[in-house]
């Protein structure tokens, strides 16, 4: 890869894990993070323009920003009676390997999901205004109340950075 501005050359690589979803076990996709955009253009007046670093590829955010995260739950078990899954999701936030936030485990509403074997889920996380700059990891933990013990929990994580202005 070559940077057009500096003409410096470099490379990058990363390992990815591709789960075998054909076995029917609870699995999560990767987690996508982005800044929460204003609901309408009038809310953006007087605020700085959208930061190009606050996107799913770069994941650099400022304290006080709201993050939107999303992921997909694959192979959740379906209750034969209600025809619905029994899924709970929880998020945790880590900095330097230490947990700094733990959300409540919340029951997932699958009412409007077109395919219960591929459930789209996510949420919103408000970063604190006094959040220390540094590297963070957002972890998503999903528990399937209908799965066997060995396969009832799946987890994924995504890193991001918090920077001051």
N, C-alpha and C. Protein backbone atom coordinates (compact mmCIF):
# COMPACT_ATOMS: atom_id res chain seq x y z
N UNK A 1 0.83 -1.15 0.00
CA UNK A 1 0.00 0.00 0.00
C UNK A 1 0.89 1.23 0.00
N UNK A 2 0.46 2.29 -0.70
CA UNK A 2 1.24 3.52 -0.70
C UNK A 2 0.32 4.70 -0.41
N UNK A 3 0.74 5.54 0.53
CA UNK A 3 0.01 6.76 0.88
C UNK A 3 0.26 7.80 -0.21
N UNK A 4 -0.81 8.30 -0.82
CA UNK A 4 -0.68 9.26 -1.92
C UNK A 4 -0.05 10.57 -1.47
N UNK A 5 -0.31 11.01 -0.23
CA UNK A 5 0.22 12.29 0.25
C UNK A 5 1.71 12.21 0.59
N UNK A 6 2.07 11.23 1.39
CA UNK A 6 3.46 11.14 1.85
C UNK A 6 4.32 10.26 0.95
N UNK A 7 3.69 9.47 0.11
CA UNK A 7 4.34 8.49 -0.76
C UNK A 7 5.08 7.41 0.04
N UNK A 8 4.72 7.26 1.30
CA UNK A 8 5.30 6.20 2.12
C UNK A 8 4.62 4.88 1.77
N UNK A 9 5.39 3.81 1.85
CA UNK A 9 4.90 2.48 1.52
C UNK A 9 4.80 1.66 2.81
N UNK A 10 3.74 0.86 2.91
CA UNK A 10 3.58 0.02 4.09
C UNK A 10 2.63 -1.12 3.78
N UNK A 11 2.42 -1.95 4.78
CA UNK A 11 1.49 -3.07 4.61
C UNK A 11 0.76 -3.30 5.93
N UNK A 12 -0.32 -4.02 5.84
CA UNK A 12 -1.11 -4.36 7.02
C UNK A 12 -1.72 -5.73 6.80
N UNK A 13 -1.96 -6.44 7.89
CA UNK A 13 -2.63 -7.74 7.79
C UNK A 13 -3.38 -7.99 9.08
N UNK A 14 -4.34 -8.88 8.99
CA UNK A 14 -5.11 -9.22 10.17
C UNK A 14 -5.70 -10.61 9.95
N UNK A 15 -5.73 -11.42 11.01
CA UNK A 15 -6.36 -12.72 10.93
C UNK A 15 -7.85 -12.56 11.13
N UNK A 16 -8.62 -13.36 10.44
CA UNK A 16 -10.06 -13.37 10.65
C UNK A 16 -10.49 -14.80 10.94
N UNK A 17 -11.53 -14.92 11.71
CA UNK A 17 -12.08 -16.24 12.03
C UNK A 17 -13.38 -16.40 11.27
N UNK A 18 -13.51 -17.49 10.54
CA UNK A 18 -14.72 -17.77 9.79
C UNK A 18 -15.39 -18.98 10.44
N UNK A 19 -16.47 -18.74 11.19
CA UNK A 19 -17.11 -19.86 11.89
C UNK A 19 -17.85 -20.77 10.92
N UNK A 20 -18.00 -22.03 11.30
CA UNK A 20 -18.75 -23.00 10.51
C UNK A 20 -20.21 -22.92 10.95
N UNK A 21 -21.00 -22.13 10.26
CA UNK A 21 -22.41 -21.94 10.64
C UNK A 21 -23.27 -23.13 10.23
N UNK A 22 -22.74 -24.03 9.42
CA UNK A 22 -23.51 -25.19 8.97
C UNK A 22 -23.78 -26.17 10.11
N UNK A 23 -23.05 -26.08 11.22
CA UNK A 23 -23.26 -26.99 12.35
C UNK A 23 -24.47 -26.59 13.21
N UNK A 24 -25.05 -25.43 12.93
CA UNK A 24 -26.25 -25.01 13.65
C UNK A 24 -26.01 -24.46 15.04
N UNK A 25 -24.76 -24.14 15.37
CA UNK A 25 -24.45 -23.60 16.70
C UNK A 25 -24.58 -22.08 16.71
N UNK A 26 -24.92 -21.56 17.87
CA UNK A 26 -25.03 -20.11 18.04
C UNK A 26 -23.71 -19.44 17.67
N UNK A 27 -23.79 -18.44 16.81
CA UNK A 27 -22.61 -17.73 16.33
C UNK A 27 -22.96 -16.27 16.15
N UNK A 28 -21.97 -15.39 16.32
CA UNK A 28 -22.16 -13.97 16.05
C UNK A 28 -21.27 -13.55 14.89
N UNK A 29 -21.78 -12.62 14.10
CA UNK A 29 -20.95 -12.00 13.07
C UNK A 29 -19.99 -11.04 13.76
N UNK A 30 -19.18 -10.37 13.00
CA UNK A 30 -18.36 -9.30 13.56
C UNK A 30 -19.23 -8.14 13.99
N UNK A 31 -18.68 -7.27 14.82
CA UNK A 31 -19.40 -6.10 15.32
C UNK A 31 -18.98 -4.89 14.49
N UNK A 32 -19.96 -4.11 14.07
CA UNK A 32 -19.69 -2.88 13.31
C UNK A 32 -19.98 -1.69 14.22
N UNK A 33 -19.06 -0.72 14.24
CA UNK A 33 -19.21 0.50 15.05
C UNK A 33 -19.20 1.73 14.16
N UNK A 34 -20.03 2.70 14.50
CA UNK A 34 -19.98 4.00 13.84
C UNK A 34 -20.57 5.05 14.77
N UNK A 35 -20.27 6.31 14.48
CA UNK A 35 -20.84 7.39 15.28
C UNK A 35 -22.32 7.54 14.95
N UNK A 36 -23.10 7.92 15.93
CA UNK A 36 -24.53 8.15 15.73
C UNK A 36 -24.71 9.46 14.99
N UNK A 37 -25.25 9.45 13.76
CA UNK A 37 -25.44 10.69 13.02
C UNK A 37 -26.60 11.50 13.59
N UNK A 38 -26.62 12.82 13.35
CA UNK A 38 -27.76 13.62 13.79
C UNK A 38 -29.04 13.12 13.13
N UNK A 39 -30.18 13.23 13.85
CA UNK A 39 -31.45 12.74 13.31
C UNK A 39 -31.93 13.57 12.12
N UNK A 40 -31.66 14.88 12.17
CA UNK A 40 -32.02 15.71 11.03
C UNK A 40 -30.99 16.82 10.88
N UNK A 41 -30.91 17.44 9.70
CA UNK A 41 -29.87 18.45 9.45
C UNK A 41 -29.90 19.63 10.43
N UNK A 42 -31.06 19.99 10.96
CA UNK A 42 -31.12 21.14 11.87
C UNK A 42 -30.37 20.86 13.17
N UNK A 43 -30.27 19.59 13.57
CA UNK A 43 -29.52 19.24 14.79
C UNK A 43 -28.03 19.41 14.60
N UNK A 44 -27.58 19.37 13.35
CA UNK A 44 -26.15 19.48 13.08
C UNK A 44 -25.67 20.93 13.06
N UNK A 45 -26.60 21.89 13.01
CA UNK A 45 -26.21 23.30 12.99
C UNK A 45 -25.46 23.67 14.26
N UNK A 46 -24.35 24.35 14.08
CA UNK A 46 -23.54 24.75 15.22
C UNK A 46 -22.62 23.65 15.72
N UNK A 47 -22.73 22.47 15.16
CA UNK A 47 -21.85 21.37 15.54
C UNK A 47 -20.86 21.14 14.41
N UNK A 48 -19.74 20.54 14.77
CA UNK A 48 -18.74 20.27 13.75
C UNK A 48 -19.27 19.24 12.76
N UNK A 49 -18.73 19.28 11.56
CA UNK A 49 -19.13 18.35 10.53
C UNK A 49 -18.76 16.93 10.94
N UNK A 50 -19.35 15.98 10.28
CA UNK A 50 -19.06 14.58 10.54
C UNK A 50 -17.57 14.31 10.39
N UNK A 51 -17.00 13.62 11.35
CA UNK A 51 -15.57 13.30 11.34
C UNK A 51 -15.36 12.05 10.51
N UNK A 52 -14.50 12.09 9.49
CA UNK A 52 -14.28 10.91 8.66
C UNK A 52 -13.67 9.73 9.42
N UNK A 53 -13.08 9.98 10.58
CA UNK A 53 -12.51 8.89 11.39
C UNK A 53 -13.58 8.10 12.14
N UNK A 54 -14.77 8.67 12.28
CA UNK A 54 -15.84 8.03 13.04
C UNK A 54 -16.67 7.12 12.13
N UNK A 55 -16.00 6.26 11.41
CA UNK A 55 -16.69 5.34 10.50
C UNK A 55 -16.29 3.92 10.85
N UNK A 56 -16.99 2.92 10.29
CA UNK A 56 -16.72 1.53 10.64
C UNK A 56 -15.30 1.05 10.33
N UNK A 57 -14.61 1.68 9.39
CA UNK A 57 -13.26 1.22 9.05
C UNK A 57 -12.20 1.77 10.00
N UNK A 58 -12.29 3.05 10.36
CA UNK A 58 -11.24 3.70 11.16
C UNK A 58 -11.53 3.59 12.65
N UNK A 59 -12.76 3.82 13.07
CA UNK A 59 -13.22 3.66 14.47
C UNK A 59 -12.43 4.51 15.46
N UNK A 60 -12.35 5.82 15.19
CA UNK A 60 -11.73 6.76 16.12
C UNK A 60 -12.82 7.76 16.51
N UNK A 61 -13.11 7.86 17.81
CA UNK A 61 -14.22 8.67 18.29
C UNK A 61 -13.77 9.64 19.37
N UNK A 62 -14.53 10.69 19.54
CA UNK A 62 -14.26 11.69 20.58
C UNK A 62 -15.13 11.42 21.80
N UNK A 63 -14.64 11.79 22.99
CA UNK A 63 -15.47 11.62 24.19
C UNK A 63 -16.82 12.33 24.02
N UNK A 64 -17.85 11.75 24.57
CA UNK A 64 -19.18 12.35 24.49
C UNK A 64 -19.99 11.91 23.28
N UNK A 65 -19.37 11.22 22.34
CA UNK A 65 -20.08 10.77 21.15
C UNK A 65 -20.94 9.55 21.47
N UNK A 66 -22.02 9.41 20.74
CA UNK A 66 -22.85 8.21 20.83
C UNK A 66 -22.42 7.26 19.72
N UNK A 67 -22.18 6.02 20.08
CA UNK A 67 -21.81 5.00 19.10
C UNK A 67 -22.99 4.10 18.80
N UNK A 68 -23.12 3.74 17.55
CA UNK A 68 -24.09 2.75 17.14
C UNK A 68 -23.30 1.48 16.83
N UNK A 69 -23.72 0.35 17.37
CA UNK A 69 -23.07 -0.91 17.07
C UNK A 69 -24.10 -1.89 16.52
N UNK A 70 -23.65 -2.76 15.65
CA UNK A 70 -24.54 -3.74 15.05
C UNK A 70 -23.82 -5.05 14.83
N UNK A 71 -24.59 -6.13 14.78
CA UNK A 71 -24.06 -7.47 14.57
C UNK A 71 -25.21 -8.37 14.17
N UNK A 72 -24.89 -9.58 13.78
CA UNK A 72 -25.91 -10.55 13.39
C UNK A 72 -25.76 -11.80 14.25
N UNK A 73 -26.89 -12.32 14.72
CA UNK A 73 -26.93 -13.54 15.51
C UNK A 73 -27.36 -14.67 14.58
N UNK A 74 -26.51 -15.67 14.47
CA UNK A 74 -26.77 -16.79 13.57
C UNK A 74 -27.08 -18.06 14.35
N UNK A 75 -28.08 -18.79 13.89
CA UNK A 75 -28.43 -20.10 14.42
C UNK A 75 -29.00 -20.10 15.83
N UNK A 76 -29.75 -19.07 16.20
CA UNK A 76 -30.44 -19.10 17.49
C UNK A 76 -31.49 -20.21 17.46
N UNK A 77 -31.66 -20.90 18.57
CA UNK A 77 -32.67 -21.95 18.66
C UNK A 77 -34.06 -21.31 18.73
N UNK A 78 -35.04 -21.95 18.16
CA UNK A 78 -36.41 -21.43 18.11
C UNK A 78 -37.30 -22.30 18.99
N UNK A 79 -38.06 -21.64 19.89
CA UNK A 79 -39.02 -22.34 20.74
C UNK A 79 -40.13 -22.91 19.86
N UNK A 80 -40.42 -24.19 20.01
CA UNK A 80 -41.43 -24.83 19.16
C UNK A 80 -42.84 -24.29 19.42
N UNK A 81 -43.10 -23.89 20.65
CA UNK A 81 -44.43 -23.37 20.99
C UNK A 81 -44.65 -21.94 20.54
N UNK A 82 -43.74 -21.04 20.91
CA UNK A 82 -43.91 -19.62 20.59
C UNK A 82 -43.36 -19.25 19.21
N UNK A 83 -42.54 -20.15 18.64
CA UNK A 83 -41.88 -19.91 17.34
C UNK A 83 -40.95 -18.71 17.39
N UNK A 84 -40.37 -18.46 18.59
CA UNK A 84 -39.45 -17.34 18.78
C UNK A 84 -38.20 -17.82 19.51
N UNK A 85 -37.09 -17.11 19.30
CA UNK A 85 -35.88 -17.43 20.07
C UNK A 85 -35.96 -16.80 21.46
N UNK A 86 -35.12 -17.26 22.37
CA UNK A 86 -34.99 -16.66 23.70
C UNK A 86 -33.54 -16.18 23.84
N UNK A 87 -33.29 -14.99 23.32
CA UNK A 87 -31.94 -14.46 23.24
C UNK A 87 -31.80 -13.26 24.17
N UNK A 88 -30.69 -13.24 24.91
CA UNK A 88 -30.31 -12.07 25.70
C UNK A 88 -28.98 -11.56 25.18
N UNK A 89 -28.83 -10.24 25.16
CA UNK A 89 -27.57 -9.63 24.71
C UNK A 89 -27.09 -8.66 25.78
N UNK A 90 -25.78 -8.57 25.90
CA UNK A 90 -25.15 -7.69 26.87
C UNK A 90 -23.87 -7.13 26.25
N UNK A 91 -23.54 -5.87 26.58
CA UNK A 91 -22.28 -5.30 26.11
C UNK A 91 -21.39 -4.97 27.30
N UNK A 92 -20.10 -5.09 27.06
CA UNK A 92 -19.10 -4.69 28.05
C UNK A 92 -18.05 -3.87 27.32
N UNK A 93 -17.43 -2.94 28.04
CA UNK A 93 -16.41 -2.07 27.47
C UNK A 93 -15.14 -2.22 28.29
N UNK A 94 -14.02 -2.40 27.59
CA UNK A 94 -12.73 -2.60 28.24
C UNK A 94 -11.74 -1.54 27.78
N UNK A 95 -10.85 -1.16 28.69
CA UNK A 95 -9.71 -0.29 28.37
C UNK A 95 -8.49 -0.88 29.04
N UNK A 96 -7.46 -1.12 28.27
CA UNK A 96 -6.23 -1.74 28.78
C UNK A 96 -6.51 -3.04 29.53
N UNK A 97 -7.43 -3.84 29.02
CA UNK A 97 -7.74 -5.14 29.61
C UNK A 97 -8.62 -5.09 30.84
N UNK A 98 -9.01 -3.89 31.28
CA UNK A 98 -9.85 -3.75 32.47
C UNK A 98 -11.24 -3.31 32.06
N UNK A 99 -12.24 -3.96 32.63
CA UNK A 99 -13.62 -3.60 32.32
C UNK A 99 -13.95 -2.24 32.90
N UNK A 100 -14.48 -1.34 32.06
CA UNK A 100 -14.86 0.00 32.51
C UNK A 100 -16.37 0.22 32.45
N UNK A 101 -17.09 -0.70 31.79
CA UNK A 101 -18.54 -0.58 31.70
C UNK A 101 -19.14 -1.96 31.45
N UNK A 102 -20.28 -2.22 32.07
CA UNK A 102 -21.04 -3.44 31.80
C UNK A 102 -22.50 -3.08 31.72
N UNK A 103 -23.10 -3.31 30.57
CA UNK A 103 -24.52 -3.07 30.39
C UNK A 103 -25.34 -4.21 30.97
N UNK A 104 -26.62 -3.98 31.13
CA UNK A 104 -27.52 -5.02 31.61
C UNK A 104 -27.79 -6.01 30.49
N UNK A 105 -27.96 -7.27 30.85
CA UNK A 105 -28.38 -8.27 29.87
C UNK A 105 -29.84 -7.97 29.51
N UNK A 106 -30.09 -7.78 28.22
CA UNK A 106 -31.42 -7.40 27.75
C UNK A 106 -31.99 -8.48 26.84
N UNK A 107 -33.27 -8.78 27.04
CA UNK A 107 -33.96 -9.74 26.17
C UNK A 107 -34.12 -9.12 24.78
N UNK A 108 -33.79 -9.87 23.74
CA UNK A 108 -33.88 -9.38 22.38
C UNK A 108 -35.29 -9.59 21.85
N UNK A 109 -35.86 -8.56 21.24
CA UNK A 109 -37.18 -8.64 20.62
C UNK A 109 -36.99 -9.03 19.16
N UNK A 110 -37.49 -10.20 18.79
CA UNK A 110 -37.30 -10.69 17.43
C UNK A 110 -38.56 -10.55 16.57
N UNK A 111 -39.51 -9.74 17.02
CA UNK A 111 -40.80 -9.62 16.36
C UNK A 111 -40.71 -9.27 14.88
N UNK A 112 -39.92 -8.30 14.51
CA UNK A 112 -39.87 -7.85 13.11
C UNK A 112 -38.73 -8.46 12.31
N UNK A 113 -38.15 -9.53 12.81
CA UNK A 113 -37.04 -10.17 12.10
C UNK A 113 -37.58 -11.08 10.99
N UNK A 114 -37.12 -10.88 9.75
CA UNK A 114 -37.62 -11.72 8.66
C UNK A 114 -37.07 -13.15 8.69
N UNK A 115 -35.88 -13.37 9.26
CA UNK A 115 -35.26 -14.69 9.29
C UNK A 115 -34.68 -14.91 10.69
N UNK A 116 -35.33 -15.76 11.48
CA UNK A 116 -34.91 -15.97 12.87
C UNK A 116 -33.61 -16.75 12.99
N UNK A 117 -33.08 -17.28 11.90
CA UNK A 117 -31.77 -17.91 11.94
C UNK A 117 -30.66 -16.90 11.64
N UNK A 118 -31.04 -15.69 11.24
CA UNK A 118 -30.09 -14.60 10.94
C UNK A 118 -30.66 -13.30 11.53
N UNK A 119 -30.58 -13.16 12.82
CA UNK A 119 -31.19 -12.02 13.52
C UNK A 119 -30.23 -10.84 13.52
N UNK A 120 -30.72 -9.70 13.06
CA UNK A 120 -29.93 -8.47 13.07
C UNK A 120 -30.18 -7.77 14.41
N UNK A 121 -29.10 -7.40 15.10
CA UNK A 121 -29.22 -6.79 16.42
C UNK A 121 -28.20 -5.67 16.56
N UNK A 122 -28.32 -4.91 17.62
CA UNK A 122 -27.37 -3.85 17.89
C UNK A 122 -27.91 -2.92 18.95
N UNK A 123 -27.25 -1.78 19.08
CA UNK A 123 -27.66 -0.82 20.09
C UNK A 123 -26.88 0.46 19.98
N UNK A 124 -27.02 1.26 21.01
CA UNK A 124 -26.38 2.57 21.07
C UNK A 124 -25.63 2.66 22.39
N UNK A 125 -24.41 3.17 22.35
CA UNK A 125 -23.59 3.33 23.54
C UNK A 125 -23.09 4.76 23.60
N UNK A 126 -23.43 5.47 24.65
CA UNK A 126 -23.00 6.85 24.83
C UNK A 126 -21.65 6.88 25.52
N UNK A 127 -20.64 7.44 24.84
CA UNK A 127 -19.33 7.58 25.47
C UNK A 127 -19.37 8.75 26.44
N UNK A 128 -18.72 8.61 27.57
CA UNK A 128 -18.69 9.68 28.57
C UNK A 128 -17.87 10.86 28.09
N UNK A 129 -18.26 12.05 28.50
CA UNK A 129 -17.54 13.27 28.08
C UNK A 129 -16.15 13.35 28.70
N UNK A 130 -15.94 12.64 29.82
CA UNK A 130 -14.63 12.66 30.48
C UNK A 130 -13.85 11.36 30.24
N UNK A 131 -14.24 10.65 29.21
CA UNK A 131 -13.59 9.38 28.89
C UNK A 131 -12.14 9.62 28.52
N UNK A 132 -11.26 8.81 29.10
CA UNK A 132 -9.83 8.94 28.84
C UNK A 132 -9.49 8.53 27.42
N UNK A 133 -8.60 9.27 26.76
CA UNK A 133 -8.15 8.85 25.44
C UNK A 133 -7.43 7.50 25.54
N UNK A 134 -7.53 6.71 24.49
CA UNK A 134 -6.85 5.42 24.46
C UNK A 134 -7.62 4.40 23.66
N UNK A 135 -7.13 3.18 23.72
CA UNK A 135 -7.72 2.07 22.98
C UNK A 135 -8.75 1.36 23.86
N UNK A 136 -9.90 1.05 23.26
CA UNK A 136 -11.00 0.39 23.95
C UNK A 136 -11.45 -0.82 23.14
N UNK A 137 -12.16 -1.72 23.81
CA UNK A 137 -12.76 -2.88 23.15
C UNK A 137 -14.21 -2.97 23.60
N UNK A 138 -15.12 -3.03 22.63
CA UNK A 138 -16.53 -3.26 22.91
C UNK A 138 -16.79 -4.75 22.69
N UNK A 139 -17.29 -5.42 23.72
CA UNK A 139 -17.60 -6.84 23.64
C UNK A 139 -19.10 -7.04 23.69
N UNK A 140 -19.61 -7.88 22.81
CA UNK A 140 -21.02 -8.26 22.79
C UNK A 140 -21.11 -9.72 23.21
N UNK A 141 -21.97 -10.00 24.19
CA UNK A 141 -22.17 -11.36 24.68
C UNK A 141 -23.65 -11.71 24.45
N UNK A 142 -23.89 -12.78 23.73
CA UNK A 142 -25.25 -13.23 23.45
C UNK A 142 -25.46 -14.59 24.08
N UNK A 143 -26.59 -14.75 24.78
CA UNK A 143 -26.93 -16.00 25.43
C UNK A 143 -28.25 -16.52 24.84
N UNK A 144 -28.24 -17.77 24.40
CA UNK A 144 -29.42 -18.42 23.85
C UNK A 144 -30.02 -19.30 24.94
N UNK A 145 -31.16 -18.90 25.47
CA UNK A 145 -31.81 -19.63 26.55
C UNK A 145 -32.32 -21.00 26.16
N UNK A 146 -32.37 -21.31 24.87
CA UNK A 146 -32.88 -22.60 24.41
C UNK A 146 -31.78 -23.57 23.98
N UNK A 147 -30.55 -23.09 23.89
CA UNK A 147 -29.44 -23.93 23.42
C UNK A 147 -28.90 -24.78 24.56
N UNK A 148 -28.21 -25.87 24.17
CA UNK A 148 -27.53 -26.70 25.16
C UNK A 148 -26.42 -25.89 25.81
N UNK A 149 -26.09 -26.22 27.07
CA UNK A 149 -25.11 -25.45 27.84
C UNK A 149 -23.82 -25.17 27.10
N UNK A 150 -23.31 -26.16 26.42
CA UNK A 150 -22.02 -26.02 25.74
C UNK A 150 -22.07 -24.97 24.62
N UNK A 151 -23.24 -24.75 24.04
CA UNK A 151 -23.36 -23.86 22.89
C UNK A 151 -24.30 -22.68 23.14
N UNK A 152 -24.54 -22.32 24.38
CA UNK A 152 -25.54 -21.28 24.64
C UNK A 152 -24.98 -19.86 24.67
N UNK A 153 -23.67 -19.68 24.67
CA UNK A 153 -23.08 -18.34 24.71
C UNK A 153 -22.17 -18.13 23.50
N UNK A 154 -22.32 -16.97 22.88
CA UNK A 154 -21.43 -16.56 21.79
C UNK A 154 -21.00 -15.13 22.08
N UNK A 155 -19.78 -14.80 21.70
CA UNK A 155 -19.26 -13.46 21.96
C UNK A 155 -18.44 -12.97 20.78
N UNK A 156 -18.44 -11.67 20.60
CA UNK A 156 -17.60 -11.00 19.60
C UNK A 156 -17.16 -9.67 20.19
N UNK A 157 -16.08 -9.14 19.65
CA UNK A 157 -15.56 -7.86 20.16
C UNK A 157 -15.04 -7.03 18.99
N UNK A 158 -15.01 -5.72 19.21
CA UNK A 158 -14.44 -4.80 18.21
C UNK A 158 -13.69 -3.71 18.96
N UNK A 159 -12.51 -3.38 18.47
CA UNK A 159 -11.71 -2.34 19.09
C UNK A 159 -12.01 -0.98 18.48
N UNK A 160 -11.75 0.06 19.24
CA UNK A 160 -11.87 1.42 18.75
C UNK A 160 -10.98 2.31 19.61
N UNK A 161 -10.80 3.53 19.15
CA UNK A 161 -9.94 4.48 19.86
C UNK A 161 -10.73 5.72 20.23
N UNK A 162 -10.44 6.25 21.41
CA UNK A 162 -11.02 7.52 21.84
C UNK A 162 -9.89 8.55 21.84
N UNK A 163 -10.12 9.68 21.20
CA UNK A 163 -9.12 10.75 21.13
C UNK A 163 -9.75 12.08 21.53
N UNK A 164 -8.96 12.95 22.08
CA UNK A 164 -9.43 14.31 22.37
C UNK A 164 -9.31 15.11 21.08
N UNK A 165 -9.89 16.28 21.07
CA UNK A 165 -9.86 17.13 19.85
C UNK A 165 -8.47 17.38 19.36
